[in-house]
Amino acid sequence: MVVYLFDFDGTLVDSTGAVEKALRIAIEKTMPAVIESELYDEYYQALFLFIKGKLTYRHLGVIHELVAQGTIHEYYNLMPKYIKDLPWARRVVRELRKRGRTVISFSGEHTYPGGKAIFMKRTNWYDEFDDVITFKSTKDMLQKFWGLRSLYPEEPVVWVDDSPSRFTYILDENTLLVQKSSPYKSDVALLFERDNFLKINSLRELLEIDDALSELLGEG
């Protein structure tokens, strides 16, 4: 049996455009006067930093106002509506499960606890997986990865992610690290020196990879 770990944002779905659109519309709906003022850029940046978990003290006053006006709440309501599946994403996940693979969503949590699961449910992705696991930090990611590894000690693992920097911490040779090409993420040169690393342009390529693994494992 092969276990697949999939990152969500940027790997299975395009959420970058959704973030930008939801931010703008949330401000327009709750604080229309700001759109025409010189404050718009500051409000947009503060909201963006907040949802990325990178807020600085300089923006606290703005965030208090965004909370009071319901802008942040409106953003989280709007965001799932604009998330789009990447080509082949759902078909590949379903085909892998049809082949008897264990498919797990393994991705970073949103700013607020449980946010990633909520977005998955609102985009009808949650039930596409055998399990959904989120992590908050690199340390948390590693703990949960090795926790999964202990559940599947002998099985090959295929981890698919558009953020290759995460792979630099993984030295398990029975895990195939697959970078999903993204215009928003940079390559990590040292990974290309590893035998268990691949970069793909289309998720459809995973089916070919799975065919090769199946042959290697003597299945079918």
C-alpha atoms as a PDB file:
ATOM      1  CA  MET A   1       0.000   0.000   0.000  1.00  0.00           C
ATOM      2  CA  VAL A   2       1.179   3.517  -0.796  1.00  0.00           C
ATOM      3  CA  VAL A   3       0.250   6.509   1.386  1.00  0.00           C
ATOM      4  CA  TYR A   4      -0.190   9.901  -0.281  1.00  0.00           C
ATOM      5  CA  LEU A   5       0.092  13.181   1.632  1.00  0.00           C
ATOM      6  CA  PHE A   6      -1.305  16.239  -0.133  1.00  0.00           C
ATOM      7  CA  ASP A   7      -0.812  19.858   0.746  1.00  0.00           C
ATOM      8  CA  PHE A   8      -3.999  21.813   0.006  1.00  0.00           C
ATOM      9  CA  ASP A   9      -3.516  25.492  -0.912  1.00  0.00           C
ATOM     10  CA  GLY A  10      -1.357  25.816  -4.007  1.00  0.00           C
ATOM     11  CA  THR A  11      -1.163  22.059  -4.550  1.00  0.00           C
ATOM     12  CA  LEU A  12      -4.760  20.958  -5.049  1.00  0.00           C
ATOM     13  CA  VAL A  13      -6.468  24.337  -5.201  1.00  0.00           C
ATOM     14  CA  ASP A  14      -5.584  27.856  -6.304  1.00  0.00           C
ATOM     15  CA  SER A  15      -6.312  30.071  -3.315  1.00  0.00           C
ATOM     16  CA  THR A  16      -3.994  32.988  -4.125  1.00  0.00           C
ATOM     17  CA  GLY A  17      -6.509  34.666  -6.411  1.00  0.00           C
ATOM     18  CA  ALA A  18      -9.250  33.874  -3.913  1.00  0.00           C
ATOM     19  CA  VAL A  19      -7.381  35.665  -1.120  1.00  0.00           C
ATOM     20  CA  GLU A  20      -6.911  38.817  -3.179  1.00  0.00           C
ATOM     21  CA  LYS A  21     -10.526  38.901  -4.377  1.00  0.00           C
ATOM     22  CA  ALA A  22     -12.038  38.136  -0.969  1.00  0.00           C
ATOM     23  CA  LEU A  23      -9.881  40.784   0.732  1.00  0.00           C
ATOM     24  CA  ARG A  24     -10.968  43.492  -1.689  1.00  0.00           C
ATOM     25  CA  ILE A  25     -14.676  42.614  -1.630  1.00  0.00           C
ATOM     26  CA  ALA A  26     -14.747  42.247   2.175  1.00  0.00           C
ATOM     27  CA  ILE A  27     -13.394  45.779   2.565  1.00  0.00           C
ATOM     28  CA  GLU A  28     -15.757  47.131  -0.086  1.00  0.00           C
ATOM     29  CA  LYS A  29     -18.807  45.571   1.587  1.00  0.00           C
ATOM     30  CA  THR A  30     -18.059  46.521   5.179  1.00  0.00           C
ATOM     31  CA  MET A  31     -16.025  49.726   4.831  1.00  0.00           C
ATOM     32  CA  PRO A  32     -16.966  51.313   1.476  1.00  0.00           C
ATOM     33  CA  ALA A  33     -15.571  54.735   2.393  1.00  0.00           C
ATOM     34  CA  VAL A  34     -12.065  53.267   2.724  1.00  0.00           C
ATOM     35  CA  ILE A  35     -12.010  52.219  -0.937  1.00  0.00           C
ATOM     36  CA  GLU A  36     -11.870  55.830  -2.110  1.00  0.00           C
ATOM     37  CA  SER A  37      -9.417  56.992   0.544  1.00  0.00           C
ATOM     38  CA  GLU A  38      -5.650  56.912   0.877  1.00  0.00           C
ATOM     39  CA  LEU A  39      -6.106  54.443   3.751  1.00  0.00           C
ATOM     40  CA  TYR A  40      -7.118  51.555   1.479  1.00  0.00           C
ATOM     41  CA  ASP A  41      -3.605  50.154   1.025  1.00  0.00           C
ATOM     42  CA  GLU A  42      -2.994  50.178   4.762  1.00  0.00           C
ATOM     43  CA  TYR A  43      -6.282  48.404   5.511  1.00  0.00           C
ATOM     44  CA  TYR A  44      -5.669  45.832   2.776  1.00  0.00           C
ATOM     45  CA  GLN A  45      -2.142  45.129   4.010  1.00  0.00           C
ATOM     46  CA  ALA A  46      -3.264  44.823   7.637  1.00  0.00           C
ATOM     47  CA  LEU A  47      -5.996  42.351   6.709  1.00  0.00           C
ATOM     48  CA  PHE A  48      -3.613  40.366   4.509  1.00  0.00           C
ATOM     49  CA  LEU A  49      -0.985  40.124   7.269  1.00  0.00           C
ATOM     50  CA  PHE A  50      -3.653  39.116   9.777  1.00  0.00           C
ATOM     51  CA  ILE A  51      -4.925  36.171   7.746  1.00  0.00           C
ATOM     52  CA  LYS A  52      -1.327  35.062   7.086  1.00  0.00           C
ATOM     53  CA  GLY A  53      -0.551  35.158  10.802  1.00  0.00           C
ATOM     54  CA  LYS A  54       2.151  37.799  10.297  1.00  0.00           C
ATOM     55  CA  LEU A  55       0.513  40.836  11.847  1.00  0.00           C
ATOM     56  CA  THR A  56       2.786  43.540  13.259  1.00  0.00           C
ATOM     57  CA  TYR A  57       2.031  45.896  16.147  1.00  0.00           C
ATOM     58  CA  ARG A  58       1.833  48.792  13.722  1.00  0.00           C
ATOM     59  CA  HIS A  59      -1.451  47.437  12.347  1.00  0.00           C
ATOM     60  CA  LEU A  60      -3.212  46.543  15.607  1.00  0.00           C
ATOM     61  CA  GLY A  61      -5.375  49.656  15.564  1.00  0.00           C
ATOM     62  CA  VAL A  62      -6.491  48.925  12.007  1.00  0.00           C
ATOM     63  CA  ILE A  63      -7.256  45.309  12.886  1.00  0.00           C
ATOM     64  CA  HIS A  64      -9.458  46.419  15.802  1.00  0.00           C
ATOM     65  CA  GLU A  65     -11.468  48.505  13.359  1.00  0.00           C
ATOM     66  CA  LEU A  66     -11.668  45.662  10.826  1.00  0.00           C
ATOM     67  CA  VAL A  67     -13.012  43.396  13.566  1.00  0.00           C
ATOM     68  CA  ALA A  68     -15.536  46.000  14.726  1.00  0.00           C
ATOM     69  CA  GLN A  69     -16.839  46.519  11.180  1.00  0.00           C
ATOM     70  CA  GLY A  70     -17.126  42.783  10.517  1.00  0.00           C
ATOM     71  CA  THR A  71     -14.553  42.888   7.700  1.00  0.00           C
ATOM     72  CA  ILE A  72     -12.563  39.896   8.905  1.00  0.00           C
ATOM     73  CA  HIS A  73     -15.714  37.836   9.387  1.00  0.00           C
ATOM     74  CA  GLU A  74     -16.855  38.800   5.893  1.00  0.00           C
ATOM     75  CA  TYR A  75     -13.496  37.759   4.423  1.00  0.00           C
ATOM     76  CA  TYR A  76     -13.748  34.247   5.874  1.00  0.00           C
ATOM     77  CA  ASN A  77     -17.297  33.930   4.530  1.00  0.00           C
ATOM     78  CA  LEU A  78     -16.237  34.999   1.042  1.00  0.00           C
ATOM     79  CA  MET A  79     -12.921  33.171   0.686  1.00  0.00           C
ATOM     80  CA  PRO A  80     -14.216  29.614   0.003  1.00  0.00           C
ATOM     81  CA  LYS A  81     -16.446  30.882  -2.814  1.00  0.00           C
ATOM     82  CA  TYR A  82     -13.433  31.940  -4.874  1.00  0.00           C
ATOM     83  CA  ILE A  83     -11.146  28.934  -4.292  1.00  0.00           C
ATOM     84  CA  LYS A  84     -10.686  27.002  -7.547  1.00  0.00           C
ATOM     85  CA  ASP A  85      -9.526  23.416  -8.057  1.00  0.00           C
ATOM     86  CA  LEU A  86      -6.259  23.073  -9.943  1.00  0.00           C
ATOM     87  CA  PRO A  87      -6.412  20.987 -13.143  1.00  0.00           C
ATOM     88  CA  TRP A  88      -6.732  17.238 -12.498  1.00  0.00           C
ATOM     89  CA  ALA A  89      -6.720  17.702  -8.709  1.00  0.00           C
ATOM     90  CA  ARG A  90      -9.970  16.022  -7.797  1.00  0.00           C
ATOM     91  CA  ARG A  91      -9.694  13.352 -10.491  1.00  0.00           C
ATOM     92  CA  VAL A  92      -6.212  12.337  -9.336  1.00  0.00           C
ATOM     93  CA  VAL A  93      -7.206  12.124  -5.663  1.00  0.00           C
ATOM     94  CA  ARG A  94     -10.266  10.036  -6.517  1.00  0.00           C
ATOM     95  CA  GLU A  95      -8.303   7.732  -8.823  1.00  0.00           C
ATOM     96  CA  LEU A  96      -5.641   7.117  -6.187  1.00  0.00           C
ATOM     97  CA  ARG A  97      -8.275   6.170  -3.631  1.00  0.00           C
ATOM     98  CA  LYS A  98      -9.964   3.955  -6.221  1.00  0.00           C
ATOM     99  CA  ARG A  99      -6.619   2.162  -6.586  1.00  0.00           C
ATOM    100  CA  GLY A 100      -6.643   1.465  -2.852  1.00  0.00           C
ATOM    101  CA  ARG A 101      -4.151   4.135  -1.856  1.00  0.00           C
ATOM    102  CA  THR A 102      -4.497   5.959   1.449  1.00  0.00           C
ATOM    103  CA  VAL A 103      -4.867   9.660   0.663  1.00  0.00           C
ATOM    104  CA  ILE A 104      -4.351  12.164   3.475  1.00  0.00           C
ATOM    105  CA  SER A 105      -4.616  15.946   3.434  1.00  0.00           C
ATOM    106  CA  PHE A 106      -1.490  17.246   5.169  1.00  0.00           C
ATOM    107  CA  SER A 107      -1.225  21.029   5.202  1.00  0.00           C
ATOM    108  CA  GLY A 108      -0.633  24.144   7.256  1.00  0.00           C
ATOM    109  CA  GLU A 109      -3.472  25.433   9.400  1.00  0.00           C
ATOM    110  CA  HIS A 110      -5.147  28.765   8.774  1.00  0.00           C
ATOM    111  CA  THR A 111      -4.760  31.653  11.199  1.00  0.00           C
ATOM    112  CA  TYR A 112      -7.621  30.467  13.373  1.00  0.00           C
ATOM    113  CA  PRO A 113      -7.889  26.855  14.679  1.00  0.00           C
ATOM    114  CA  GLY A 114      -9.979  24.604  12.454  1.00  0.00           C
ATOM    115  CA  GLY A 115     -10.036  27.114   9.606  1.00  0.00           C
ATOM    116  CA  LYS A 116      -8.493  24.752   7.059  1.00  0.00           C
ATOM    117  CA  ALA A 117     -11.087  22.048   7.737  1.00  0.00           C
ATOM    118  CA  ILE A 118     -13.888  24.605   7.414  1.00  0.00           C
ATOM    119  CA  PHE A 119     -12.587  25.762   4.032  1.00  0.00           C
ATOM    120  CA  MET A 120     -12.274  22.149   2.862  1.00  0.00           C
ATOM    121  CA  LYS A 121     -15.861  21.419   3.845  1.00  0.00           C
ATOM    122  CA  ARG A 122     -17.168  24.558   2.139  1.00  0.00           C
ATOM    123  CA  THR A 123     -15.337  23.637  -1.073  1.00  0.00           C
ATOM    124  CA  ASN A 124     -16.493  19.992  -0.854  1.00  0.00           C
ATOM    125  CA  TRP A 125     -12.934  18.715  -0.456  1.00  0.00           C
ATOM    126  CA  TYR A 126     -13.042  17.348   3.079  1.00  0.00           C
ATOM    127  CA  ASP A 127     -14.611  13.997   2.228  1.00  0.00           C
ATOM    128  CA  GLU A 128     -12.228  13.427  -0.676  1.00  0.00           C
ATOM    129  CA  PHE A 129      -9.560  12.336   1.837  1.00  0.00           C
ATOM    130  CA  ASP A 130      -9.154   9.357   4.117  1.00  0.00           C
ATOM    131  CA  ASP A 131      -7.938  11.756   6.799  1.00  0.00           C
ATOM    132  CA  VAL A 132      -7.289  15.486   7.252  1.00  0.00           C
ATOM    133  CA  ILE A 133      -4.252  16.596   9.278  1.00  0.00           C
ATOM    134  CA  THR A 134      -3.102  20.180   9.776  1.00  0.00           C
ATOM    135  CA  PHE A 135      -0.024  21.646  11.418  1.00  0.00           C
ATOM    136  CA  LYS A 136       0.857  25.063  12.858  1.00  0.00           C
ATOM    137  CA  SER A 137       4.633  25.239  12.586  1.00  0.00           C
ATOM    138  CA  THR A 138       7.642  23.366  11.245  1.00  0.00           C
ATOM    139  CA  LYS A 139       8.081  21.586  14.569  1.00  0.00           C
ATOM    140  CA  ASP A 140       4.408  20.608  14.609  1.00  0.00           C
ATOM    141  CA  MET A 141       4.644  19.476  10.970  1.00  0.00           C
ATOM    142  CA  LEU A 142       7.579  17.186  11.747  1.00  0.00           C
ATOM    143  CA  GLN A 143       5.907  15.708  14.813  1.00  0.00           C
ATOM    144  CA  LYS A 144       2.794  14.882  12.827  1.00  0.00           C
ATOM    145  CA  PHE A 145       4.759  13.537   9.867  1.00  0.00           C
ATOM    146  CA  TRP A 146       6.709  11.143  12.062  1.00  0.00           C
ATOM    147  CA  GLY A 147       3.483  10.258  13.850  1.00  0.00           C
ATOM    148  CA  LEU A 148       2.059   9.220  10.486  1.00  0.00           C
ATOM    149  CA  ARG A 149       5.267   7.388   9.688  1.00  0.00           C
ATOM    150  CA  SER A 150       4.833   5.304  12.847  1.00  0.00           C
ATOM    151  CA  LEU A 151       1.350   4.297  11.656  1.00  0.00           C
ATOM    152  CA  TYR A 152       2.725   3.242   8.267  1.00  0.00           C
ATOM    153  CA  PRO A 153       6.293   2.108   9.099  1.00  0.00           C
ATOM    154  CA  GLU A 154       6.886  -0.025   5.993  1.00  0.00           C
ATOM    155  CA  GLU A 155       4.681   1.638   3.377  1.00  0.00           C
ATOM    156  CA  PRO A 156       6.085   4.013   0.763  1.00  0.00           C
ATOM    157  CA  VAL A 157       4.871   7.566   1.349  1.00  0.00           C
ATOM    158  CA  VAL A 158       4.412  10.116  -1.434  1.00  0.00           C
ATOM    159  CA  TRP A 159       4.260  13.694  -0.152  1.00  0.00           C
ATOM    160  CA  VAL A 160       2.996  16.253  -2.682  1.00  0.00           C
ATOM    161  CA  ASP A 161       3.463  19.947  -1.846  1.00  0.00           C
ATOM    162  CA  ASP A 162       4.082  23.221  -3.659  1.00  0.00           C
ATOM    163  CA  SER A 163       6.329  24.439  -0.806  1.00  0.00           C
ATOM    164  CA  PRO A 164       9.590  22.510  -1.291  1.00  0.00           C
ATOM    165  CA  SER A 165      11.255  24.142   1.699  1.00  0.00           C
ATOM    166  CA  ARG A 166       9.239  21.767   3.890  1.00  0.00           C
ATOM    167  CA  PHE A 167      10.982  18.813   2.287  1.00  0.00           C
ATOM    168  CA  THR A 168      14.421  19.911   3.458  1.00  0.00           C
ATOM    169  CA  TYR A 169      13.596  18.584   6.939  1.00  0.00           C
ATOM    170  CA  ILE A 170      12.612  15.098   5.734  1.00  0.00           C
ATOM    171  CA  LEU A 171      15.421  12.544   5.439  1.00  0.00           C
ATOM    172  CA  ASP A 172      13.247   9.425   5.271  1.00  0.00           C
ATOM    173  CA  GLU A 173      14.376   7.524   2.162  1.00  0.00           C
ATOM    174  CA  ASN A 174      11.072   5.637   1.914  1.00  0.00           C
ATOM    175  CA  THR A 175       9.231   8.915   1.298  1.00  0.00           C
ATOM    176  CA  LEU A 176       9.034  10.285  -2.230  1.00  0.00           C
ATOM    177  CA  LEU A 177       9.002  14.083  -2.092  1.00  0.00           C
ATOM    178  CA  VAL A 178       7.055  15.582  -4.998  1.00  0.00           C
ATOM    179  CA  GLN A 179       7.101  19.324  -5.606  1.00  0.00           C
ATOM    180  CA  LYS A 180       4.038  20.621  -7.444  1.00  0.00           C
ATOM    181  CA  SER A 181       5.251  23.467  -9.650  1.00  0.00           C
ATOM    182  CA  SER A 182       3.864  26.864  -8.623  1.00  0.00           C
ATOM    183  CA  PRO A 183       4.464  30.385  -9.929  1.00  0.00           C
ATOM    184  CA  TYR A 184       4.417  31.608  -6.330  1.00  0.00           C
ATOM    185  CA  LYS A 185       7.104  29.326  -4.857  1.00  0.00           C
ATOM    186  CA  SER A 186      10.851  29.036  -5.516  1.00  0.00           C
ATOM    187  CA  ASP A 187      12.836  25.846  -5.996  1.00  0.00           C
ATOM    188  CA  VAL A 188      15.279  24.558  -3.381  1.00  0.00           C
ATOM    189  CA  ALA A 189      18.436  23.602  -5.243  1.00  0.00           C
ATOM    190  CA  LEU A 190      19.722  20.981  -2.804  1.00  0.00           C
ATOM    191  CA  LEU A 191      16.561  18.895  -3.201  1.00  0.00           C
ATOM    192  CA  PHE A 192      17.412  18.144  -6.829  1.00  0.00           C
ATOM    193  CA  GLU A 193      20.444  16.217  -5.557  1.00  0.00           C
ATOM    194  CA  ARG A 194      18.215  13.730  -3.740  1.00  0.00           C
ATOM    195  CA  ASP A 195      17.142  10.434  -5.311  1.00  0.00           C
ATOM    196  CA  ASN A 196      13.735  10.612  -3.623  1.00  0.00           C
ATOM    197  CA  PHE A 197      12.741  14.047  -4.986  1.00  0.00           C
ATOM    198  CA  LEU A 198      10.734  14.907  -8.098  1.00  0.00           C
ATOM    199  CA  LYS A 199       9.200  18.076  -9.472  1.00  0.00           C
ATOM    200  CA  ILE A 200       6.008  17.892 -11.529  1.00  0.00           C
ATOM    201  CA  ASN A 201       4.113  20.453 -13.569  1.00  0.00           C
ATOM    202  CA  SER A 202       0.738  18.702 -13.601  1.00  0.00           C
ATOM    203  CA  LEU A 203      -0.990  16.596 -10.952  1.00  0.00           C
ATOM    204  CA  ARG A 204      -1.826  14.132 -13.711  1.00  0.00           C
ATOM    205  CA  GLU A 205       1.835  13.047 -13.580  1.00  0.00           C
ATOM    206  CA  LEU A 206       1.118  11.482 -10.172  1.00  0.00           C
ATOM    207  CA  LEU A 207      -0.831   8.695 -11.855  1.00  0.00           C
ATOM    208  CA  GLU A 208       2.242   7.807 -13.892  1.00  0.00           C
ATOM    209  CA  ILE A 209       4.332   7.902 -10.725  1.00  0.00           C
ATOM    210  CA  ASP A 210       1.825   5.625  -9.017  1.00  0.00           C
ATOM    211  CA  ASP A 211       1.942   3.213 -11.960  1.00  0.00           C
ATOM    212  CA  ALA A 212       5.722   3.022 -11.579  1.00  0.00           C
ATOM    213  CA  LEU A 213       5.421   2.445  -7.816  1.00  0.00           C
ATOM    214  CA  SER A 214       2.863  -0.271  -8.412  1.00  0.00           C
ATOM    215  CA  GLU A 215       5.251  -2.052 -10.771  1.00  0.00           C
ATOM    216  CA  LEU A 216       8.127  -1.629  -8.343  1.00  0.00           C
ATOM    217  CA  LEU A 217       6.038  -3.101  -5.502  1.00  0.00           C
ATOM    218  CA  GLY A 218       4.928  -6.007  -7.672  1.00  0.00           C
ATOM    219  CA  GLU A 219       1.251  -5.099  -7.538  1.00  0.00           C
ATOM    220  CA  GLY A 220      -1.335  -6.089 -10.130  1.00  0.00           C
END
